[in-house]
Protein backbone atom coordinates (compact mmCIF):
# COMPACT_ATOMS: atom_id res chain seq x y z
CA UNK A 1 0.00 0.00 0.00
CA UNK A 2 2.82 2.42 0.87
CA UNK A 3 4.45 1.80 -2.51
CA UNK A 4 1.15 2.54 -4.27
CA UNK A 5 0.69 5.82 -2.36
CA UNK A 6 4.30 6.83 -3.00
CA UNK A 7 3.95 6.05 -6.71
CA UNK A 8 0.75 8.10 -6.83
CA UNK A 9 2.48 11.09 -5.25
CA UNK A 10 5.40 10.80 -7.66
CA UNK A 11 3.04 10.70 -10.65
CA UNK A 12 1.16 13.70 -9.29
CA UNK A 13 4.42 15.64 -8.94
CA UNK A 14 5.31 14.80 -12.54
CA UNK A 15 2.03 16.06 -14.01
CA UNK A 16 1.71 19.25 -11.93
CA UNK A 17 3.63 22.20 -13.32
CA UNK A 18 6.39 23.05 -10.90
CA UNK A 19 7.14 26.56 -9.80
CA UNK A 20 10.20 27.71 -11.64
CA UNK A 21 13.02 29.91 -10.40
CA UNK A 22 11.84 32.38 -13.05
CA UNK A 23 8.40 32.52 -11.41
CA UNK A 24 9.94 33.21 -8.03
CA UNK A 25 12.18 35.95 -9.41
CA UNK A 26 9.24 37.45 -11.32
CA UNK A 27 7.06 37.47 -8.21
CA UNK A 28 9.81 39.02 -6.07
CA UNK A 29 10.27 41.80 -8.67
CA UNK A 30 6.48 42.19 -8.94
CA UNK A 31 6.12 42.84 -5.21
CA UNK A 32 9.35 44.64 -4.31
CA UNK A 33 9.73 46.83 -7.40
CA UNK A 34 6.74 47.04 -9.75
CA UNK A 35 3.91 47.27 -7.21
CA UNK A 36 5.43 50.20 -5.35
CA UNK A 37 6.57 51.80 -8.63
CA UNK A 38 2.98 51.88 -9.88
CA UNK A 39 1.83 53.69 -6.73
CA UNK A 40 4.84 55.98 -6.36
CA UNK A 41 4.77 57.08 -10.04
CA UNK A 42 0.96 57.15 -10.24
CA UNK A 43 1.34 54.73 -13.16
CA UNK A 44 -2.18 53.50 -13.82
CA UNK A 45 -1.08 51.63 -16.95
CA UNK A 46 1.36 49.55 -14.92
CA UNK A 47 -1.14 48.97 -12.12
CA UNK A 48 -3.74 47.95 -14.72
CA UNK A 49 -1.36 45.19 -15.85
CA UNK A 50 -0.44 44.10 -12.31
CA UNK A 51 -3.98 43.73 -11.00
CA UNK A 52 -6.45 41.07 -12.11
CA UNK A 53 -9.86 42.39 -13.15
CA UNK A 54 -11.36 40.73 -10.04
CA UNK A 55 -8.78 42.31 -7.71
CA UNK A 56 -9.91 43.44 -4.26
CA UNK A 57 -7.89 44.91 -1.41
CA UNK A 58 -8.86 45.06 2.24
CA UNK A 59 -7.06 47.90 3.99
CA UNK A 60 -6.13 48.18 7.65
CA UNK A 61 -9.51 49.78 8.44
CA UNK A 62 -11.37 46.88 6.84
CA UNK A 63 -12.44 48.86 3.78
CA UNK A 64 -12.69 46.83 0.57
CA UNK A 65 -11.62 48.45 -2.72
CA UNK A 66 -11.86 47.09 -6.25
CA UNK A 67 -9.33 47.35 -9.04
CA UNK A 68 -11.16 50.34 -10.51
CA UNK A 69 -11.16 52.10 -7.13
CA UNK A 70 -7.41 51.49 -6.74
CA UNK A 71 -6.75 52.88 -10.22
CA UNK A 72 -8.82 55.96 -9.40
CA UNK A 73 -7.00 56.39 -6.08
CA UNK A 74 -3.53 56.45 -7.61
CA UNK A 75 -4.65 58.81 -10.35
CA UNK A 76 -5.74 61.28 -7.64
CA UNK A 77 -3.16 60.65 -4.88
CA UNK A 78 0.60 60.83 -4.77
CA UNK A 79 2.07 58.08 -2.57
CA UNK A 80 5.39 59.18 -1.15
CA UNK A 81 6.53 57.04 1.77
CA UNK A 82 10.10 58.33 1.43
CA UNK A 83 12.57 55.47 1.68
CA UNK A 84 10.56 52.27 1.42
CA UNK A 85 11.27 48.57 1.44
CA UNK A 86 8.94 45.60 1.20
CA UNK A 87 10.41 42.59 2.98
CA UNK A 88 9.03 39.32 1.69
CA UNK A 89 8.62 36.84 4.52
CA UNK A 90 6.57 34.28 2.63
CA UNK A 91 6.52 33.46 -1.06
CA UNK A 92 4.77 30.22 -1.94
CA UNK A 93 3.82 29.11 -5.44
CA UNK A 94 1.17 26.44 -5.91
CA UNK A 95 0.83 24.38 -9.07
CA UNK A 96 2.73 27.09 -10.98
CA UNK A 97 -0.54 29.06 -11.16
CA UNK A 98 -1.23 30.50 -7.69
CA UNK A 99 1.06 32.40 -5.34
CA UNK A 100 0.97 33.93 -1.90
CA UNK A 101 3.32 36.75 -1.00
CA UNK A 102 3.34 38.11 2.52
CA UNK A 103 5.66 40.39 4.38
CA UNK A 104 6.34 43.73 5.95
CA UNK A 105 6.38 47.16 4.37
CA UNK A 106 8.78 49.58 6.04
CA UNK A 107 8.49 53.26 5.22
CA UNK A 108 10.19 56.22 6.89
CA UNK A 109 7.31 56.88 9.27
CA UNK A 110 5.19 53.71 9.31
CA UNK A 111 5.31 49.93 9.08
CA UNK A 112 2.64 47.42 8.07
CA UNK A 113 1.98 43.80 7.22
CA UNK A 114 0.39 42.64 3.99
CA UNK A 115 -0.50 39.48 2.19
CA UNK A 116 -1.24 39.08 -1.49
CA UNK A 117 -2.73 36.33 -3.62
CA UNK A 118 -1.64 36.20 -7.25
CA UNK A 119 -2.70 34.04 -10.15
CA UNK A 120 -1.02 33.35 -13.43
CA UNK A 121 -3.42 34.67 -16.07
CA UNK A 122 -2.47 33.98 -19.69
CA UNK A 123 1.15 33.54 -18.64
CA UNK A 124 1.29 36.75 -16.57
CA UNK A 125 1.26 37.00 -12.78
CA UNK A 126 -1.54 39.28 -11.57
CA UNK A 127 -2.66 40.18 -8.06
CA UNK A 128 -6.22 39.11 -7.32
CA UNK A 129 -6.33 39.88 -3.60
CA UNK A 130 -4.44 41.98 -1.09
CA UNK A 131 -4.83 42.55 2.63
CA UNK A 132 -3.08 45.18 4.72
CA UNK A 133 -3.02 45.19 8.52
CA UNK A 134 -1.06 46.31 11.53
CA UNK A 135 -0.22 49.76 10.20
CA UNK A 136 1.80 51.54 12.87
CA UNK A 137 3.40 54.94 12.83
CA UNK A 138 7.02 54.81 13.87
CA UNK A 139 9.42 57.58 14.78
CA UNK A 140 12.34 58.06 12.36
CA UNK A 141 14.84 56.63 14.88
CA UNK A 142 12.87 53.37 15.03
CA UNK A 143 12.88 53.18 11.23
CA UNK A 144 16.67 53.50 11.31
CA UNK A 145 16.85 50.62 13.79
CA UNK A 146 14.60 48.53 11.51
CA UNK A 147 17.06 49.19 8.67
CA UNK A 148 19.96 48.08 10.86
CA UNK A 149 18.20 44.75 11.53
CA UNK A 150 18.26 43.76 7.86
C-alpha atoms as a PDB file:
ATOM      1  CA  UNK A   1       0.000   0.000   0.000  1.00  0.00           C
ATOM      2  CA  UNK A   2       2.824   2.417   0.870  1.00  0.00           C
ATOM      3  CA  UNK A   3       4.453   1.803  -2.509  1.00  0.00           C
ATOM      4  CA  UNK A   4       1.150   2.538  -4.266  1.00  0.00           C
ATOM      5  CA  UNK A   5       0.687   5.817  -2.364  1.00  0.00           C
ATOM      6  CA  UNK A   6       4.301   6.827  -3.001  1.00  0.00           C
ATOM      7  CA  UNK A   7       3.953   6.046  -6.710  1.00  0.00           C
ATOM      8  CA  UNK A   8       0.752   8.096  -6.828  1.00  0.00           C
ATOM      9  CA  UNK A   9       2.484  11.090  -5.252  1.00  0.00           C
ATOM     10  CA  UNK A  10       5.403  10.803  -7.662  1.00  0.00           C
ATOM     11  CA  UNK A  11       3.041  10.705 -10.647  1.00  0.00           C
ATOM     12  CA  UNK A  12       1.157  13.698  -9.292  1.00  0.00           C
ATOM     13  CA  UNK A  13       4.421  15.642  -8.942  1.00  0.00           C
ATOM     14  CA  UNK A  14       5.308  14.799 -12.540  1.00  0.00           C
ATOM     15  CA  UNK A  15       2.034  16.063 -14.010  1.00  0.00           C
ATOM     16  CA  UNK A  16       1.708  19.252 -11.928  1.00  0.00           C
ATOM     17  CA  UNK A  17       3.634  22.200 -13.320  1.00  0.00           C
ATOM     18  CA  UNK A  18       6.390  23.052 -10.901  1.00  0.00           C
ATOM     19  CA  UNK A  19       7.143  26.557  -9.804  1.00  0.00           C
ATOM     20  CA  UNK A  20      10.203  27.715 -11.641  1.00  0.00           C
ATOM     21  CA  UNK A  21      13.018  29.908 -10.397  1.00  0.00           C
ATOM     22  CA  UNK A  22      11.842  32.379 -13.048  1.00  0.00           C
ATOM     23  CA  UNK A  23       8.403  32.523 -11.412  1.00  0.00           C
ATOM     24  CA  UNK A  24       9.939  33.208  -8.026  1.00  0.00           C
ATOM     25  CA  UNK A  25      12.179  35.955  -9.410  1.00  0.00           C
ATOM     26  CA  UNK A  26       9.244  37.450 -11.320  1.00  0.00           C
ATOM     27  CA  UNK A  27       7.064  37.469  -8.207  1.00  0.00           C
ATOM     28  CA  UNK A  28       9.807  39.023  -6.072  1.00  0.00           C
ATOM     29  CA  UNK A  29      10.271  41.795  -8.669  1.00  0.00           C
ATOM     30  CA  UNK A  30       6.484  42.191  -8.942  1.00  0.00           C
ATOM     31  CA  UNK A  31       6.118  42.841  -5.212  1.00  0.00           C
ATOM     32  CA  UNK A  32       9.354  44.635  -4.311  1.00  0.00           C
ATOM     33  CA  UNK A  33       9.727  46.831  -7.405  1.00  0.00           C
ATOM     34  CA  UNK A  34       6.737  47.041  -9.749  1.00  0.00           C
ATOM     35  CA  UNK A  35       3.906  47.272  -7.211  1.00  0.00           C
ATOM     36  CA  UNK A  36       5.426  50.200  -5.349  1.00  0.00           C
ATOM     37  CA  UNK A  37       6.571  51.802  -8.626  1.00  0.00           C
ATOM     38  CA  UNK A  38       2.981  51.882  -9.879  1.00  0.00           C
ATOM     39  CA  UNK A  39       1.827  53.689  -6.734  1.00  0.00           C
ATOM     40  CA  UNK A  40       4.842  55.982  -6.363  1.00  0.00           C
ATOM     41  CA  UNK A  41       4.774  57.082 -10.038  1.00  0.00           C
ATOM     42  CA  UNK A  42       0.956  57.149 -10.241  1.00  0.00           C
ATOM     43  CA  UNK A  43       1.338  54.730 -13.155  1.00  0.00           C
ATOM     44  CA  UNK A  44      -2.184  53.498 -13.820  1.00  0.00           C
ATOM     45  CA  UNK A  45      -1.079  51.631 -16.955  1.00  0.00           C
ATOM     46  CA  UNK A  46       1.361  49.547 -14.915  1.00  0.00           C
ATOM     47  CA  UNK A  47      -1.145  48.973 -12.125  1.00  0.00           C
ATOM     48  CA  UNK A  48      -3.744  47.947 -14.717  1.00  0.00           C
ATOM     49  CA  UNK A  49      -1.356  45.185 -15.854  1.00  0.00           C
ATOM     50  CA  UNK A  50      -0.442  44.095 -12.310  1.00  0.00           C
ATOM     51  CA  UNK A  51      -3.979  43.734 -10.995  1.00  0.00           C
ATOM     52  CA  UNK A  52      -6.445  41.066 -12.106  1.00  0.00           C
ATOM     53  CA  UNK A  53      -9.860  42.394 -13.153  1.00  0.00           C
ATOM     54  CA  UNK A  54     -11.355  40.727 -10.043  1.00  0.00           C
ATOM     55  CA  UNK A  55      -8.776  42.314  -7.710  1.00  0.00           C
ATOM     56  CA  UNK A  56      -9.913  43.436  -4.260  1.00  0.00           C
ATOM     57  CA  UNK A  57      -7.894  44.912  -1.413  1.00  0.00           C
ATOM     58  CA  UNK A  58      -8.860  45.062   2.238  1.00  0.00           C
ATOM     59  CA  UNK A  59      -7.060  47.904   3.987  1.00  0.00           C
ATOM     60  CA  UNK A  60      -6.134  48.177   7.653  1.00  0.00           C
ATOM     61  CA  UNK A  61      -9.505  49.778   8.444  1.00  0.00           C
ATOM     62  CA  UNK A  62     -11.371  46.875   6.844  1.00  0.00           C
ATOM     63  CA  UNK A  63     -12.442  48.856   3.783  1.00  0.00           C
ATOM     64  CA  UNK A  64     -12.686  46.827   0.571  1.00  0.00           C
ATOM     65  CA  UNK A  65     -11.622  48.449  -2.717  1.00  0.00           C
ATOM     66  CA  UNK A  66     -11.862  47.092  -6.249  1.00  0.00           C
ATOM     67  CA  UNK A  67      -9.327  47.352  -9.037  1.00  0.00           C
ATOM     68  CA  UNK A  68     -11.156  50.340 -10.505  1.00  0.00           C
ATOM     69  CA  UNK A  69     -11.159  52.104  -7.134  1.00  0.00           C
ATOM     70  CA  UNK A  70      -7.411  51.492  -6.744  1.00  0.00           C
ATOM     71  CA  UNK A  71      -6.746  52.882 -10.215  1.00  0.00           C
ATOM     72  CA  UNK A  72      -8.822  55.965  -9.396  1.00  0.00           C
ATOM     73  CA  UNK A  73      -7.005  56.388  -6.080  1.00  0.00           C
ATOM     74  CA  UNK A  74      -3.528  56.450  -7.605  1.00  0.00           C
ATOM     75  CA  UNK A  75      -4.650  58.813 -10.347  1.00  0.00           C
ATOM     76  CA  UNK A  76      -5.742  61.276  -7.641  1.00  0.00           C
ATOM     77  CA  UNK A  77      -3.163  60.652  -4.883  1.00  0.00           C
ATOM     78  CA  UNK A  78       0.603  60.828  -4.769  1.00  0.00           C
ATOM     79  CA  UNK A  79       2.072  58.082  -2.566  1.00  0.00           C
ATOM     80  CA  UNK A  80       5.395  59.175  -1.150  1.00  0.00           C
ATOM     81  CA  UNK A  81       6.528  57.041   1.767  1.00  0.00           C
ATOM     82  CA  UNK A  82      10.102  58.329   1.434  1.00  0.00           C
ATOM     83  CA  UNK A  83      12.566  55.470   1.681  1.00  0.00           C
ATOM     84  CA  UNK A  84      10.555  52.271   1.415  1.00  0.00           C
ATOM     85  CA  UNK A  85      11.270  48.569   1.443  1.00  0.00           C
ATOM     86  CA  UNK A  86       8.939  45.603   1.201  1.00  0.00           C
ATOM     87  CA  UNK A  87      10.415  42.587   2.980  1.00  0.00           C
ATOM     88  CA  UNK A  88       9.032  39.324   1.689  1.00  0.00           C
ATOM     89  CA  UNK A  89       8.620  36.839   4.523  1.00  0.00           C
ATOM     90  CA  UNK A  90       6.571  34.282   2.631  1.00  0.00           C
ATOM     91  CA  UNK A  91       6.523  33.461  -1.064  1.00  0.00           C
ATOM     92  CA  UNK A  92       4.765  30.218  -1.943  1.00  0.00           C
ATOM     93  CA  UNK A  93       3.825  29.106  -5.438  1.00  0.00           C
ATOM     94  CA  UNK A  94       1.167  26.441  -5.907  1.00  0.00           C
ATOM     95  CA  UNK A  95       0.832  24.383  -9.073  1.00  0.00           C
ATOM     96  CA  UNK A  96       2.729  27.086 -10.979  1.00  0.00           C
ATOM     97  CA  UNK A  97      -0.537  29.064 -11.156  1.00  0.00           C
ATOM     98  CA  UNK A  98      -1.230  30.505  -7.694  1.00  0.00           C
ATOM     99  CA  UNK A  99       1.060  32.400  -5.342  1.00  0.00           C
ATOM    100  CA  UNK A 100       0.974  33.930  -1.905  1.00  0.00           C
ATOM    101  CA  UNK A 101       3.319  36.749  -1.004  1.00  0.00           C
ATOM    102  CA  UNK A 102       3.335  38.112   2.525  1.00  0.00           C
ATOM    103  CA  UNK A 103       5.659  40.388   4.382  1.00  0.00           C
ATOM    104  CA  UNK A 104       6.342  43.731   5.947  1.00  0.00           C
ATOM    105  CA  UNK A 105       6.377  47.158   4.369  1.00  0.00           C
ATOM    106  CA  UNK A 106       8.779  49.575   6.037  1.00  0.00           C
ATOM    107  CA  UNK A 107       8.493  53.261   5.222  1.00  0.00           C
ATOM    108  CA  UNK A 108      10.186  56.218   6.886  1.00  0.00           C
ATOM    109  CA  UNK A 109       7.310  56.878   9.274  1.00  0.00           C
ATOM    110  CA  UNK A 110       5.191  53.710   9.315  1.00  0.00           C
ATOM    111  CA  UNK A 111       5.313  49.935   9.083  1.00  0.00           C
ATOM    112  CA  UNK A 112       2.636  47.424   8.074  1.00  0.00           C
ATOM    113  CA  UNK A 113       1.978  43.797   7.218  1.00  0.00           C
ATOM    114  CA  UNK A 114       0.391  42.638   3.988  1.00  0.00           C
ATOM    115  CA  UNK A 115      -0.495  39.476   2.191  1.00  0.00           C
ATOM    116  CA  UNK A 116      -1.236  39.077  -1.494  1.00  0.00           C
ATOM    117  CA  UNK A 117      -2.729  36.331  -3.616  1.00  0.00           C
ATOM    118  CA  UNK A 118      -1.637  36.203  -7.252  1.00  0.00           C
ATOM    119  CA  UNK A 119      -2.701  34.044 -10.152  1.00  0.00           C
ATOM    120  CA  UNK A 120      -1.018  33.346 -13.432  1.00  0.00           C
ATOM    121  CA  UNK A 121      -3.418  34.675 -16.067  1.00  0.00           C
ATOM    122  CA  UNK A 122      -2.474  33.982 -19.687  1.00  0.00           C
ATOM    123  CA  UNK A 123       1.154  33.537 -18.639  1.00  0.00           C
ATOM    124  CA  UNK A 124       1.290  36.751 -16.568  1.00  0.00           C
ATOM    125  CA  UNK A 125       1.257  36.999 -12.776  1.00  0.00           C
ATOM    126  CA  UNK A 126      -1.538  39.276 -11.574  1.00  0.00           C
ATOM    127  CA  UNK A 127      -2.664  40.179  -8.064  1.00  0.00           C
ATOM    128  CA  UNK A 128      -6.222  39.110  -7.318  1.00  0.00           C
ATOM    129  CA  UNK A 129      -6.331  39.885  -3.602  1.00  0.00           C
ATOM    130  CA  UNK A 130      -4.439  41.984  -1.087  1.00  0.00           C
ATOM    131  CA  UNK A 131      -4.833  42.546   2.635  1.00  0.00           C
ATOM    132  CA  UNK A 132      -3.080  45.183   4.722  1.00  0.00           C
ATOM    133  CA  UNK A 133      -3.017  45.187   8.521  1.00  0.00           C
ATOM    134  CA  UNK A 134      -1.056  46.305  11.527  1.00  0.00           C
ATOM    135  CA  UNK A 135      -0.219  49.756  10.195  1.00  0.00           C
ATOM    136  CA  UNK A 136       1.800  51.540  12.869  1.00  0.00           C
ATOM    137  CA  UNK A 137       3.397  54.944  12.830  1.00  0.00           C
ATOM    138  CA  UNK A 138       7.024  54.810  13.869  1.00  0.00           C
ATOM    139  CA  UNK A 139       9.416  57.578  14.784  1.00  0.00           C
ATOM    140  CA  UNK A 140      12.337  58.057  12.362  1.00  0.00           C
ATOM    141  CA  UNK A 141      14.838  56.633  14.884  1.00  0.00           C
ATOM    142  CA  UNK A 142      12.866  53.373  15.033  1.00  0.00           C
ATOM    143  CA  UNK A 143      12.875  53.175  11.231  1.00  0.00           C
ATOM    144  CA  UNK A 144      16.668  53.501  11.311  1.00  0.00           C
ATOM    145  CA  UNK A 145      16.853  50.615  13.790  1.00  0.00           C
ATOM    146  CA  UNK A 146      14.601  48.527  11.512  1.00  0.00           C
ATOM    147  CA  UNK A 147      17.058  49.189   8.666  1.00  0.00           C
ATOM    148  CA  UNK A 148      19.963  48.078  10.855  1.00  0.00           C
ATOM    149  CA  UNK A 149      18.203  44.751  11.530  1.00  0.00           C
ATOM    150  CA  UNK A 150      18.264  43.759   7.856  1.00  0.00           C
END
